[in-house]
Amino acid sequence: MNETEIIETARQALLVIIEMSMPVLLIGLVVGVSIALVQALTQIQEMTLVFVPKILAILLALFFFLPSMMHTLIIFTQELADRMIGLS
């Protein structure tokens, strides 16, 4: 494996990580900002009010997006294994 192939594999791995984490992170961001906006408008400054809905939203997003995440990871792993077999 030369330097170009290693860099390409690392780049693809980073893109897979971003692709897998983006939906869950965006949902967490939207829920967090929404709750912060409601807290600012109602002047309710309860620290625990942010965490419970955000955790529930992230768990629901993981439950919903996990099949597509696993599909993406399986495809990447198969391509990586094919490249490793091709080098032998």
PDB file of N, CA and C in Angstrom:
ATOM      1  N   MET A   1       0.851  -1.170   0.000  1.00  0.00           N
ATOM      2  CA  MET A   1       0.000   0.000   0.000  1.00  0.00           C
ATOM      3  C   MET A   1       0.901   1.239   0.000  1.00  0.00           C
ATOM      4  N   ASN A   2       0.706   2.092  -0.953  1.00  0.00           N
ATOM      5  CA  ASN A   2       1.540   3.288  -1.000  1.00  0.00           C
ATOM      6  C   ASN A   2       0.857   4.438  -0.248  1.00  0.00           C
ATOM      7  N   GLU A   3       1.534   5.564  -0.221  1.00  0.00           N
ATOM      8  CA  GLU A   3       1.065   6.707   0.553  1.00  0.00           C
ATOM      9  C   GLU A   3      -0.267   7.247   0.036  1.00  0.00           C
ATOM     10  N   THR A   4      -0.476   7.261  -1.245  1.00  0.00           N
ATOM     11  CA  THR A   4      -1.715   7.766  -1.836  1.00  0.00           C
ATOM     12  C   THR A   4      -2.910   6.908  -1.425  1.00  0.00           C
ATOM     13  N   GLU A   5      -2.747   5.606  -1.444  1.00  0.00           N
ATOM     14  CA  GLU A   5      -3.843   4.718  -1.048  1.00  0.00           C
ATOM     15  C   GLU A   5      -4.181   4.857   0.429  1.00  0.00           C
ATOM     16  N   ILE A   6      -3.171   5.057   1.272  1.00  0.00           N
ATOM     17  CA  ILE A   6      -3.413   5.249   2.707  1.00  0.00           C
ATOM     18  C   ILE A   6      -4.171   6.544   2.954  1.00  0.00           C
ATOM     19  N   ILE A   7      -3.785   7.609   2.277  1.00  0.00           N
ATOM     20  CA  ILE A   7      -4.472   8.891   2.423  1.00  0.00           C
ATOM     21  C   ILE A   7      -5.908   8.785   1.921  1.00  0.00           C
ATOM     22  N   GLU A   8      -6.116   8.104   0.803  1.00  0.00           N
ATOM     23  CA  GLU A   8      -7.467   7.922   0.256  1.00  0.00           C
ATOM     24  C   GLU A   8      -8.336   7.103   1.214  1.00  0.00           C
ATOM     25  N   THR A   9      -7.774   6.062   1.811  1.00  0.00           N
ATOM     26  CA  THR A   9      -8.523   5.249   2.767  1.00  0.00           C
ATOM     27  C   THR A   9      -8.881   6.066   3.999  1.00  0.00           C
ATOM     28  N   ALA A  10      -7.961   6.869   4.495  1.00  0.00           N
ATOM     29  CA  ALA A  10      -8.236   7.723   5.652  1.00  0.00           C
ATOM     30  C   ALA A  10      -9.303   8.756   5.316  1.00  0.00           C
ATOM     31  N   ARG A  11      -9.244   9.307   4.111  1.00  0.00           N
ATOM     32  CA  ARG A  11     -10.250  10.293   3.692  1.00  0.00           C
ATOM     33  C   ARG A  11     -11.629   9.652   3.633  1.00  0.00           C
ATOM     34  N   GLN A  12     -11.701   8.454   3.061  1.00  0.00           N
ATOM     35  CA  GLN A  12     -12.989   7.755   2.992  1.00  0.00           C
ATOM     36  C   GLN A  12     -13.501   7.397   4.378  1.00  0.00           C
ATOM     37  N   ALA A  13     -12.609   7.027   5.289  1.00  0.00           N
ATOM     38  CA  ALA A  13     -13.017   6.701   6.652  1.00  0.00           C
ATOM     39  C   ALA A  13     -13.594   7.930   7.346  1.00  0.00           C
ATOM     40  N   LEU A  14     -12.968   9.083   7.152  1.00  0.00           N
ATOM     41  CA  LEU A  14     -13.498  10.315   7.743  1.00  0.00           C
ATOM     42  C   LEU A  14     -14.854  10.682   7.154  1.00  0.00           C
ATOM     43  N   LEU A  15     -15.018  10.490   5.853  1.00  0.00           N
ATOM     44  CA  LEU A  15     -16.309  10.776   5.232  1.00  0.00           C
ATOM     45  C   LEU A  15     -17.400   9.831   5.740  1.00  0.00           C
ATOM     46  N   VAL A  16     -17.054   8.576   5.974  1.00  0.00           N
ATOM     47  CA  VAL A  16     -18.025   7.622   6.523  1.00  0.00           C
ATOM     48  C   VAL A  16     -18.407   8.032   7.938  1.00  0.00           C
ATOM     49  N   ILE A  17     -17.447   8.458   8.733  1.00  0.00           N
ATOM     50  CA  ILE A  17     -17.741   8.910  10.092  1.00  0.00           C
ATOM     51  C   ILE A  17     -18.674  10.114  10.070  1.00  0.00           C
ATOM     52  N   ILE A  18     -18.401  11.062   9.199  1.00  0.00           N
ATOM     53  CA  ILE A  18     -19.261  12.250   9.092  1.00  0.00           C
ATOM     54  C   ILE A  18     -20.651  11.860   8.622  1.00  0.00           C
ATOM     55  N   GLU A  19     -20.721  10.988   7.619  1.00  0.00           N
ATOM     56  CA  GLU A  19     -22.017  10.558   7.087  1.00  0.00           C
ATOM     57  C   GLU A  19     -22.842   9.819   8.134  1.00  0.00           C
ATOM     58  N   MET A  20     -22.186   9.046   8.979  1.00  0.00           N
ATOM     59  CA  MET A  20     -22.913   8.286   9.991  1.00  0.00           C
ATOM     60  C   MET A  20     -23.349   9.158  11.173  1.00  0.00           C
ATOM     61  N   SER A  21     -22.545  10.133  11.540  1.00  0.00           N
ATOM     62  CA  SER A  21     -22.859  10.917  12.730  1.00  0.00           C
ATOM     63  C   SER A  21     -23.716  12.152  12.450  1.00  0.00           C
ATOM     64  N   MET A  22     -23.756  12.602  11.218  1.00  0.00           N
ATOM     65  CA  MET A  22     -24.436  13.852  10.899  1.00  0.00           C
ATOM     66  C   MET A  22     -25.927  13.870  11.255  1.00  0.00           C
ATOM     67  N   PRO A  23     -26.720  12.858  10.920  1.00  0.00           N
ATOM     68  CA  PRO A  23     -28.152  12.948  11.260  1.00  0.00           C
ATOM     69  C   PRO A  23     -28.407  13.056  12.758  1.00  0.00           C
ATOM     70  N   VAL A  24     -27.689  12.288  13.545  1.00  0.00           N
ATOM     71  CA  VAL A  24     -27.896  12.300  14.995  1.00  0.00           C
ATOM     72  C   VAL A  24     -27.434  13.627  15.585  1.00  0.00           C
ATOM     73  N   LEU A  25     -26.300  14.126  15.127  1.00  0.00           N
ATOM     74  CA  LEU A  25     -25.810  15.401  15.639  1.00  0.00           C
ATOM     75  C   LEU A  25     -26.730  16.562  15.263  1.00  0.00           C
ATOM     76  N   LEU A  26     -27.260  16.539  14.041  1.00  0.00           N
ATOM     77  CA  LEU A  26     -28.179  17.605  13.627  1.00  0.00           C
ATOM     78  C   LEU A  26     -29.466  17.581  14.439  1.00  0.00           C
ATOM     79  N   ILE A  27     -29.987  16.399  14.725  1.00  0.00           N
ATOM     80  CA  ILE A  27     -31.204  16.304  15.533  1.00  0.00           C
ATOM     81  C   ILE A  27     -30.933  16.809  16.951  1.00  0.00           C
ATOM     82  N   GLY A  28     -29.783  16.430  17.516  1.00  0.00           N
ATOM     83  CA  GLY A  28     -29.410  16.940  18.832  1.00  0.00           C
ATOM     84  C   GLY A  28     -29.267  18.446  18.844  1.00  0.00           C
ATOM     85  N   LEU A  29     -28.698  19.005  17.776  1.00  0.00           N
ATOM     86  CA  LEU A  29     -28.536  20.450  17.663  1.00  0.00           C
ATOM     87  C   LEU A  29     -29.884  21.156  17.587  1.00  0.00           C
ATOM     88  N   VAL A  30     -30.783  20.641  16.737  1.00  0.00           N
ATOM     89  CA  VAL A  30     -32.095  21.269  16.571  1.00  0.00           C
ATOM     90  C   VAL A  30     -32.893  21.215  17.868  1.00  0.00           C
ATOM     91  N   VAL A  31     -32.891  20.074  18.531  1.00  0.00           N
ATOM     92  CA  VAL A  31     -33.629  19.953  19.790  1.00  0.00           C
ATOM     93  C   VAL A  31     -33.020  20.868  20.848  1.00  0.00           C
ATOM     94  N   GLY A  32     -31.698  20.907  20.940  1.00  0.00           N
ATOM     95  CA  GLY A  32     -31.043  21.766  21.928  1.00  0.00           C
ATOM     96  C   GLY A  32     -31.330  23.245  21.704  1.00  0.00           C
ATOM     97  N   VAL A  33     -31.260  23.680  20.459  1.00  0.00           N
ATOM     98  CA  VAL A  33     -31.536  25.097  20.153  1.00  0.00           C
ATOM     99  C   VAL A  33     -33.008  25.419  20.396  1.00  0.00           C
ATOM    100  N   SER A  34     -33.884  24.500  20.049  1.00  0.00           N
ATOM    101  CA  SER A  34     -35.319  24.730  20.268  1.00  0.00           C
ATOM    102  C   SER A  34     -35.627  24.886  21.753  1.00  0.00           C
ATOM    103  N   ILE A  35     -35.062  24.024  22.561  1.00  0.00           N
ATOM    104  CA  ILE A  35     -35.317  24.094  23.996  1.00  0.00           C
ATOM    105  C   ILE A  35     -34.676  25.344  24.589  1.00  0.00           C
ATOM    106  N   ALA A  36     -33.492  25.707  24.108  1.00  0.00           N
ATOM    107  CA  ALA A  36     -32.846  26.929  24.586  1.00  0.00           C
ATOM    108  C   ALA A  36     -33.678  28.159  24.221  1.00  0.00           C
ATOM    109  N   LEU A  37     -34.288  28.137  23.035  1.00  0.00           N
ATOM    110  CA  LEU A  37     -35.154  29.244  22.630  1.00  0.00           C
ATOM    111  C   LEU A  37     -36.387  29.329  23.525  1.00  0.00           C
ATOM    112  N   VAL A  38     -36.993  28.190  23.808  1.00  0.00           N
ATOM    113  CA  VAL A  38     -38.161  28.168  24.705  1.00  0.00           C
ATOM    114  C   VAL A  38     -37.765  28.639  26.098  1.00  0.00           C
ATOM    115  N   GLN A  39     -36.590  28.224  26.564  1.00  0.00           N
ATOM    116  CA  GLN A  39     -36.135  28.678  27.877  1.00  0.00           C
ATOM    117  C   GLN A  39     -35.895  30.185  27.894  1.00  0.00           C
ATOM    118  N   ALA A  40     -35.341  30.708  26.827  1.00  0.00           N
ATOM    119  CA  ALA A  40     -35.090  32.150  26.773  1.00  0.00           C
ATOM    120  C   ALA A  40     -36.387  32.941  26.702  1.00  0.00           C
ATOM    121  N   LEU A  41     -37.367  32.410  25.970  1.00  0.00           N
ATOM    122  CA  LEU A  41     -38.644  33.123  25.842  1.00  0.00           C
ATOM    123  C   LEU A  41     -39.465  33.073  27.120  1.00  0.00           C
ATOM    124  N   THR A  42     -39.404  31.960  27.822  1.00  0.00           N
ATOM    125  CA  THR A  42     -40.207  31.812  29.046  1.00  0.00           C
ATOM    126  C   THR A  42     -39.420  32.130  30.304  1.00  0.00           C
ATOM    127  N   GLN A  43     -38.137  32.383  30.186  1.00  0.00           N
ATOM    128  CA  GLN A  43     -37.232  32.683  31.290  1.00  0.00           C
ATOM    129  C   GLN A  43     -37.197  31.565  32.329  1.00  0.00           C
ATOM    130  N   ILE A  44     -37.376  30.335  31.861  1.00  0.00           N
ATOM    131  CA  ILE A  44     -37.211  29.159  32.717  1.00  0.00           C
ATOM    132  C   ILE A  44     -35.770  28.711  32.557  1.00  0.00           C
ATOM    133  N   GLN A  45     -34.997  28.804  33.614  1.00  0.00           N
ATOM    134  CA  GLN A  45     -33.574  28.470  33.533  1.00  0.00           C
ATOM    135  C   GLN A  45     -33.277  27.192  34.319  1.00  0.00           C
ATOM    136  N   GLU A  46     -33.944  26.137  33.970  1.00  0.00           N
ATOM    137  CA  GLU A  46     -33.720  24.837  34.597  1.00  0.00           C
ATOM    138  C   GLU A  46     -32.686  24.078  33.781  1.00  0.00           C
ATOM    139  N   MET A  47     -31.590  23.672  34.407  1.00  0.00           N
ATOM    140  CA  MET A  47     -30.496  23.012  33.699  1.00  0.00           C
ATOM    141  C   MET A  47     -30.894  21.637  33.167  1.00  0.00           C
ATOM    142  N   THR A  48     -31.696  20.903  33.915  1.00  0.00           N
ATOM    143  CA  THR A  48     -32.044  19.541  33.504  1.00  0.00           C
ATOM    144  C   THR A  48     -33.087  19.517  32.398  1.00  0.00           C
ATOM    145  N   LEU A  49     -33.736  20.621  32.136  1.00  0.00           N
ATOM    146  CA  LEU A  49     -34.774  20.672  31.110  1.00  0.00           C
ATOM    147  C   LEU A  49     -34.203  20.408  29.713  1.00  0.00           C
ATOM    148  N   VAL A  50     -32.955  20.724  29.500  1.00  0.00           N
ATOM    149  CA  VAL A  50     -32.336  20.539  28.190  1.00  0.00           C
ATOM    150  C   VAL A  50     -31.973  19.076  27.951  1.00  0.00           C
ATOM    151  N   PHE A  51     -31.503  18.396  28.974  1.00  0.00           N
ATOM    152  CA  PHE A  51     -30.899  17.087  28.782  1.00  0.00           C
ATOM    153  C   PHE A  51     -31.889  15.986  28.443  1.00  0.00           C
ATOM    154  N   VAL A  52     -33.003  15.920  29.131  1.00  0.00           N
ATOM    155  CA  VAL A  52     -33.937  14.805  28.929  1.00  0.00           C
ATOM    156  C   VAL A  52     -34.513  14.787  27.511  1.00  0.00           C
ATOM    157  N   PRO A  53     -35.057  15.889  26.993  1.00  0.00           N
ATOM    158  CA  PRO A  53     -35.555  15.835  25.603  1.00  0.00           C
ATOM    159  C   PRO A  53     -34.455  15.576  24.579  1.00  0.00           C
ATOM    160  N   LYS A  54     -33.260  16.132  24.822  1.00  0.00           N
ATOM    161  CA  LYS A  54     -32.163  15.926  23.877  1.00  0.00           C
ATOM    162  C   LYS A  54     -31.728  14.463  23.868  1.00  0.00           C
ATOM    163  N   ILE A  55     -31.641  13.844  25.034  1.00  0.00           N
ATOM    164  CA  ILE A  55     -31.276  12.428  25.109  1.00  0.00           C
ATOM    165  C   ILE A  55     -32.329  11.570  24.432  1.00  0.00           C
ATOM    166  N   LEU A  56     -33.598  11.869  24.694  1.00  0.00           N
ATOM    167  CA  LEU A  56     -34.673  11.098  24.059  1.00  0.00           C
ATOM    168  C   LEU A  56     -34.660  11.263  22.542  1.00  0.00           C
ATOM    169  N   ALA A  57     -34.423  12.476  22.068  1.00  0.00           N
ATOM    170  CA  ALA A  57     -34.387  12.720  20.623  1.00  0.00           C
ATOM    171  C   ALA A  57     -33.207  12.001  19.976  1.00  0.00           C
ATOM    172  N   ILE A  58     -32.060  12.013  20.644  1.00  0.00           N
ATOM    173  CA  ILE A  58     -30.885  11.337  20.091  1.00  0.00           C
ATOM    174  C   ILE A  58     -31.089   9.827  20.082  1.00  0.00           C
ATOM    175  N   LEU A  59     -31.661   9.274  21.146  1.00  0.00           N
ATOM    176  CA  LEU A  59     -31.928   7.839  21.168  1.00  0.00           C
ATOM    177  C   LEU A  59     -32.936   7.445  20.091  1.00  0.00           C
ATOM    178  N   LEU A  60     -33.959   8.255  19.897  1.00  0.00           N
ATOM    179  CA  LEU A  60     -34.938   7.994  18.841  1.00  0.00           C
ATOM    180  C   LEU A  60     -34.290   8.097  17.463  1.00  0.00           C
ATOM    181  N   ALA A  61     -33.409   9.077  17.276  1.00  0.00           N
ATOM    182  CA  ALA A  61     -32.695   9.224  16.001  1.00  0.00           C
ATOM    183  C   ALA A  61     -31.775   8.031  15.759  1.00  0.00           C
ATOM    184  N   LEU A  62     -31.098   7.572  16.799  1.00  0.00           N
ATOM    185  CA  LEU A  62     -30.242   6.385  16.648  1.00  0.00           C
ATOM    186  C   LEU A  62     -31.070   5.170  16.267  1.00  0.00           C
ATOM    187  N   PHE A  63     -32.208   5.016  16.910  1.00  0.00           N
ATOM    188  CA  PHE A  63     -33.082   3.885  16.600  1.00  0.00           C
ATOM    189  C   PHE A  63     -33.561   3.959  15.147  1.00  0.00           C
ATOM    190  N   PHE A  64     -33.869   5.163  14.678  1.00  0.00           N
ATOM    191  CA  PHE A  64     -34.388   5.342  13.328  1.00  0.00           C
ATOM    192  C   PHE A  64     -33.298   5.222  12.269  1.00  0.00           C
ATOM    193  N   PHE A  65     -32.115   5.800  12.523  1.00  0.00           N
ATOM    194  CA  PHE A  65     -31.049   5.852  11.516  1.00  0.00           C
ATOM    195  C   PHE A  65     -30.058   4.705  11.606  1.00  0.00           C
ATOM    196  N   LEU A  66     -30.143   3.852  12.617  1.00  0.00           N
ATOM    197  CA  LEU A  66     -29.168   2.781  12.775  1.00  0.00           C
ATOM    198  C   LEU A  66     -29.099   1.831  11.582  1.00  0.00           C
ATOM    199  N   PRO A  67     -30.214   1.433  10.963  1.00  0.00           N
ATOM    200  CA  PRO A  67     -30.076   0.558   9.786  1.00  0.00           C
ATOM    201  C   PRO A  67     -29.277   1.182   8.648  1.00  0.00           C
ATOM    202  N   SER A  68     -29.513   2.442   8.358  1.00  0.00           N
ATOM    203  CA  SER A  68     -28.748   3.081   7.279  1.00  0.00           C
ATOM    204  C   SER A  68     -27.288   3.288   7.684  1.00  0.00           C
ATOM    205  N   MET A  69     -27.042   3.549   8.964  1.00  0.00           N
ATOM    206  CA  MET A  69     -25.662   3.675   9.438  1.00  0.00           C
ATOM    207  C   MET A  69     -24.915   2.352   9.282  1.00  0.00           C
ATOM    208  N   MET A  70     -25.568   1.275   9.650  1.00  0.00           N
ATOM    209  CA  MET A  70     -24.932  -0.034   9.533  1.00  0.00           C
ATOM    210  C   MET A  70     -24.691  -0.394   8.071  1.00  0.00           C
ATOM    211  N   HIS A  71     -25.626  -0.031   7.201  1.00  0.00           N
ATOM    212  CA  HIS A  71     -25.457  -0.293   5.773  1.00  0.00           C
ATOM    213  C   HIS A  71     -24.232   0.452   5.241  1.00  0.00           C
ATOM    214  N   THR A  72     -24.084   1.709   5.618  1.00  0.00           N
ATOM    215  CA  THR A  72     -22.926   2.505   5.203  1.00  0.00           C
ATOM    216  C   THR A  72     -21.631   1.889   5.723  1.00  0.00           C
ATOM    217  N   LEU A  73     -21.639   1.472   6.977  1.00  0.00           N
ATOM    218  CA  LEU A  73     -20.437   0.881   7.565  1.00  0.00           C
ATOM    219  C   LEU A  73     -20.094  -0.461   6.931  1.00  0.00           C
ATOM    220  N   ILE A  74     -21.104  -1.253   6.612  1.00  0.00           N
ATOM    221  CA  ILE A  74     -20.863  -2.549   5.966  1.00  0.00           C
ATOM    222  C   ILE A  74     -20.261  -2.352   4.578  1.00  0.00           C
ATOM    223  N   ILE A  75     -20.788  -1.406   3.816  1.00  0.00           N
ATOM    224  CA  ILE A  75     -20.252  -1.134   2.479  1.00  0.00           C
ATOM    225  C   ILE A  75     -18.792  -0.686   2.579  1.00  0.00           C
ATOM    226  N   PHE A  76     -18.496   0.221   3.507  1.00  0.00           N
ATOM    227  CA  PHE A  76     -17.117   0.690   3.660  1.00  0.00           C
ATOM    228  C   PHE A  76     -16.192  -0.457   4.064  1.00  0.00           C
ATOM    229  N   THR A  77     -16.640  -1.294   4.985  1.00  0.00           N
ATOM    230  CA  THR A  77     -15.813  -2.415   5.441  1.00  0.00           C
ATOM    231  C   THR A  77     -15.576  -3.413   4.319  1.00  0.00           C
ATOM    232  N   GLN A  78     -16.600  -3.669   3.510  1.00  0.00           N
ATOM    233  CA  GLN A  78     -16.418  -4.589   2.381  1.00  0.00           C
ATOM    234  C   GLN A  78     -15.440  -4.027   1.360  1.00  0.00           C
ATOM    235  N   GLU A  79     -15.543  -2.736   1.069  1.00  0.00           N
ATOM    236  CA  GLU A  79     -14.598  -2.120   0.140  1.00  0.00           C
ATOM    237  C   GLU A  79     -13.178  -2.168   0.695  1.00  0.00           C
ATOM    238  N   LEU A  80     -13.031  -1.923   1.991  1.00  0.00           N
ATOM    239  CA  LEU A  80     -11.716  -1.980   2.617  1.00  0.00           C
ATOM    240  C   LEU A  80     -11.146  -3.393   2.581  1.00  0.00           C
ATOM    241  N   ALA A  81     -11.992  -4.391   2.839  1.00  0.00           N
ATOM    242  CA  ALA A  81     -11.535  -5.785   2.786  1.00  0.00           C
ATOM    243  C   ALA A  81     -11.165  -6.177   1.370  1.00  0.00           C
ATOM    244  N   ASP A  82     -11.942  -5.722   0.383  1.00  0.00           N
ATOM    245  CA  ASP A  82     -11.622  -6.009  -1.017  1.00  0.00           C
ATOM    246  C   ASP A  82     -10.267  -5.408  -1.400  1.00  0.00           C
ATOM    247  N   ARG A  83      -9.999  -4.196  -0.916  1.00  0.00           N
ATOM    248  CA  ARG A  83      -8.706  -3.582  -1.203  1.00  0.00           C
ATOM    249  C   ARG A  83      -7.563  -4.353  -0.534  1.00  0.00           C
ATOM    250  N   MET A  84      -7.818  -4.832   0.678  1.00  0.00           N
ATOM    251  CA  MET A  84      -6.771  -5.572   1.394  1.00  0.00           C
ATOM    252  C   MET A  84      -6.505  -6.924   0.709  1.00  0.00           C
ATOM    253  N   ILE A  85      -7.553  -7.564   0.237  1.00  0.00           N
ATOM    254  CA  ILE A  85      -7.393  -8.843  -0.463  1.00  0.00           C
ATOM    255  C   ILE A  85      -6.665  -8.622  -1.785  1.00  0.00           C
ATOM    256  N   GLY A  86      -6.985  -7.519  -2.441  1.00  0.00           N
ATOM    257  CA  GLY A  86      -6.350  -7.216  -3.723  1.00  0.00           C
ATOM    258  C   GLY A  86      -4.866  -6.948  -3.597  1.00  0.00           C
ATOM    259  N   LEU A  87      -4.409  -6.551  -2.410  1.00  0.00           N
ATOM    260  CA  LEU A  87      -2.991  -6.277  -2.222  1.00  0.00           C
ATOM    261  C   LEU A  87      -2.171  -7.552  -2.055  1.00  0.00           C
ATOM    262  N   SER A  88      -2.801  -8.602  -1.595  1.00  0.00           N
ATOM    263  CA  SER A  88      -2.052  -9.839  -1.317  1.00  0.00           C
ATOM    264  C   SER A  88      -1.552 -10.501  -2.571  1.00  0.00           C
TER     265      SER A  88
END
